[in-house]
Amino acid sequence: MIINLKKFGTTLVSRPSGKEAWLAFQPTLNDVQENEEVIVDFSDIAVLTPSWADEFLTPLHSRFPEKVRLINTDNASVKATFATLAKQ
């Protein structure tokens, strides 16, 4: 399964927005097969804040700890967010 984050917008900010995206995406995650990888695509994301990422990516990784792979993470905002989350 590929999760194109741009479907939630190109500016992903605020904890409430991240939580809303996570909750809205739950029915789709029920279709993930046992041996299927969950790929998160950051293409076209202009801004990603740690609060949004914490509400969406942290529970995603908790639900699928061995399956999540992140792609197109070259954006400076995305890199900075990952660095912040890694410190927590």
C-alpha atoms as a PDB file:
ATOM      1  CA  MET A   1       0.000   0.000   0.000  1.00  0.00           C
ATOM      2  CA  ILE A   2       1.219   3.469  -0.851  1.00  0.00           C
ATOM      3  CA  ILE A   3       0.057   6.428   1.216  1.00  0.00           C
ATOM      4  CA  ASN A   4       0.464   9.624  -0.812  1.00  0.00           C
ATOM      5  CA  LEU A   5       0.505  12.271   1.886  1.00  0.00           C
ATOM      6  CA  LYS A   6      -0.264  15.013  -0.640  1.00  0.00           C
ATOM      7  CA  LYS A   7      -3.861  13.783  -0.599  1.00  0.00           C
ATOM      8  CA  PHE A   8      -4.043  15.514   2.814  1.00  0.00           C
ATOM      9  CA  GLY A   9      -2.525  18.705   1.376  1.00  0.00           C
ATOM     10  CA  THR A  10       0.979  19.977   0.714  1.00  0.00           C
ATOM     11  CA  THR A  11       1.245  21.890   3.988  1.00  0.00           C
ATOM     12  CA  LEU A  12       0.802  19.395   6.818  1.00  0.00           C
ATOM     13  CA  VAL A  13       0.657  21.354  10.047  1.00  0.00           C
ATOM     14  CA  SER A  14      -1.025  21.110  13.459  1.00  0.00           C
ATOM     15  CA  ARG A  15      -1.740  18.248  15.766  1.00  0.00           C
ATOM     16  CA  PRO A  16      -5.541  18.346  15.181  1.00  0.00           C
ATOM     17  CA  SER A  17      -5.043  18.154  11.418  1.00  0.00           C
ATOM     18  CA  GLY A  18      -2.686  15.180  11.733  1.00  0.00           C
ATOM     19  CA  LYS A  19      -5.090  13.404  14.068  1.00  0.00           C
ATOM     20  CA  GLU A  20      -7.979  14.037  11.670  1.00  0.00           C
ATOM     21  CA  ALA A  21      -5.955  12.633   8.753  1.00  0.00           C
ATOM     22  CA  TRP A  22      -5.040   9.551  10.818  1.00  0.00           C
ATOM     23  CA  LEU A  23      -8.636   8.881  11.818  1.00  0.00           C
ATOM     24  CA  ALA A  24      -9.922   9.421   8.279  1.00  0.00           C
ATOM     25  CA  PHE A  25      -7.372   6.957   6.888  1.00  0.00           C
ATOM     26  CA  GLN A  26      -8.220   4.107   9.290  1.00  0.00           C
ATOM     27  CA  PRO A  27     -10.686   2.275   6.991  1.00  0.00           C
ATOM     28  CA  THR A  28      -8.055   2.129   4.236  1.00  0.00           C
ATOM     29  CA  LEU A  29      -5.483   0.623   6.600  1.00  0.00           C
ATOM     30  CA  ASN A  30      -7.807  -2.266   7.332  1.00  0.00           C
ATOM     31  CA  ASP A  31      -7.035  -3.504   3.802  1.00  0.00           C
ATOM     32  CA  VAL A  32      -3.283  -3.927   4.418  1.00  0.00           C
ATOM     33  CA  GLN A  33      -2.335  -7.548   3.788  1.00  0.00           C
ATOM     34  CA  GLU A  34      -0.087  -9.511   6.139  1.00  0.00           C
ATOM     35  CA  ASN A  35       2.954  -9.440   3.847  1.00  0.00           C
ATOM     36  CA  GLU A  36       2.284  -6.001   2.368  1.00  0.00           C
ATOM     37  CA  GLU A  37       4.609  -3.054   2.905  1.00  0.00           C
ATOM     38  CA  VAL A  38       3.148   0.328   3.897  1.00  0.00           C
ATOM     39  CA  ILE A  39       4.946   2.999   1.887  1.00  0.00           C
ATOM     40  CA  VAL A  40       4.535   6.639   2.884  1.00  0.00           C
ATOM     41  CA  ASP A  41       5.249   8.967  -0.042  1.00  0.00           C
ATOM     42  CA  PHE A  42       6.243  12.557   0.777  1.00  0.00           C
ATOM     43  CA  SER A  43       6.210  13.741  -2.859  1.00  0.00           C
ATOM     44  CA  ASP A  44       5.034  17.357  -3.266  1.00  0.00           C
ATOM     45  CA  ILE A  45       4.937  18.014   0.488  1.00  0.00           C
ATOM     46  CA  ALA A  46       6.036  21.615   1.068  1.00  0.00           C
ATOM     47  CA  VAL A  47       5.788  21.713   4.871  1.00  0.00           C
ATOM     48  CA  LEU A  48       5.600  18.921   7.437  1.00  0.00           C
ATOM     49  CA  THR A  49       5.534  19.831  11.116  1.00  0.00           C
ATOM     50  CA  PRO A  50       6.519  17.515  13.960  1.00  0.00           C
ATOM     51  CA  SER A  51       3.048  17.816  15.489  1.00  0.00           C
ATOM     52  CA  TRP A  52       1.273  16.634  12.309  1.00  0.00           C
ATOM     53  CA  ALA A  53       3.797  13.850  11.771  1.00  0.00           C
ATOM     54  CA  ASP A  54       3.529  12.713  15.387  1.00  0.00           C
ATOM     55  CA  GLU A  55      -0.241  12.341  15.079  1.00  0.00           C
ATOM     56  CA  PHE A  56      -0.098  10.429  11.781  1.00  0.00           C
ATOM     57  CA  LEU A  57       3.259   8.685  11.450  1.00  0.00           C
ATOM     58  CA  THR A  58       3.778   7.627  15.062  1.00  0.00           C
ATOM     59  CA  PRO A  59       0.553   5.593  15.288  1.00  0.00           C
ATOM     60  CA  LEU A  60       1.143   4.257  11.765  1.00  0.00           C
ATOM     61  CA  HIS A  61       4.550   2.957  12.818  1.00  0.00           C
ATOM     62  CA  SER A  62       3.059   1.555  16.038  1.00  0.00           C
ATOM     63  CA  ARG A  63       0.396  -0.320  14.096  1.00  0.00           C
ATOM     64  CA  PHE A  64       2.800  -1.625  11.426  1.00  0.00           C
ATOM     65  CA  PRO A  65       6.237  -1.589  13.117  1.00  0.00           C
ATOM     66  CA  GLU A  66       8.048  -3.723  10.558  1.00  0.00           C
ATOM     67  CA  LYS A  67       6.179  -2.627   7.444  1.00  0.00           C
ATOM     68  CA  VAL A  68       6.491   1.164   7.142  1.00  0.00           C
ATOM     69  CA  ARG A  69       8.887   2.595   4.553  1.00  0.00           C
ATOM     70  CA  LEU A  70       9.262   6.319   3.851  1.00  0.00           C
ATOM     71  CA  ILE A  71      10.045   7.590   0.348  1.00  0.00           C
ATOM     72  CA  ASN A  72      10.721  10.985  -1.255  1.00  0.00           C
ATOM     73  CA  THR A  73      11.928  12.476   2.020  1.00  0.00           C
ATOM     74  CA  ASP A  74      14.440  14.920   0.490  1.00  0.00           C
ATOM     75  CA  ASN A  75      12.474  18.042   1.472  1.00  0.00           C
ATOM     76  CA  ALA A  76      14.217  20.098   4.179  1.00  0.00           C
ATOM     77  CA  SER A  77      11.006  20.415   6.203  1.00  0.00           C
ATOM     78  CA  VAL A  78      10.500  16.648   6.166  1.00  0.00           C
ATOM     79  CA  LYS A  79      14.115  16.024   7.204  1.00  0.00           C
ATOM     80  CA  ALA A  80      13.893  18.546  10.038  1.00  0.00           C
ATOM     81  CA  THR A  81      10.670  16.967  11.283  1.00  0.00           C
ATOM     82  CA  PHE A  82      12.239  13.497  11.327  1.00  0.00           C
ATOM     83  CA  ALA A  83      15.222  14.871  13.262  1.00  0.00           C
ATOM     84  CA  THR A  84      12.894  16.428  15.825  1.00  0.00           C
ATOM     85  CA  LEU A  85      10.836  13.255  16.237  1.00  0.00           C
ATOM     86  CA  ALA A  86      13.967  11.138  16.571  1.00  0.00           C
ATOM     87  CA  LYS A  87      14.998  13.216  19.606  1.00  0.00           C
ATOM     88  CA  GLN A  88      11.723  12.451  21.378  1.00  0.00           C
END
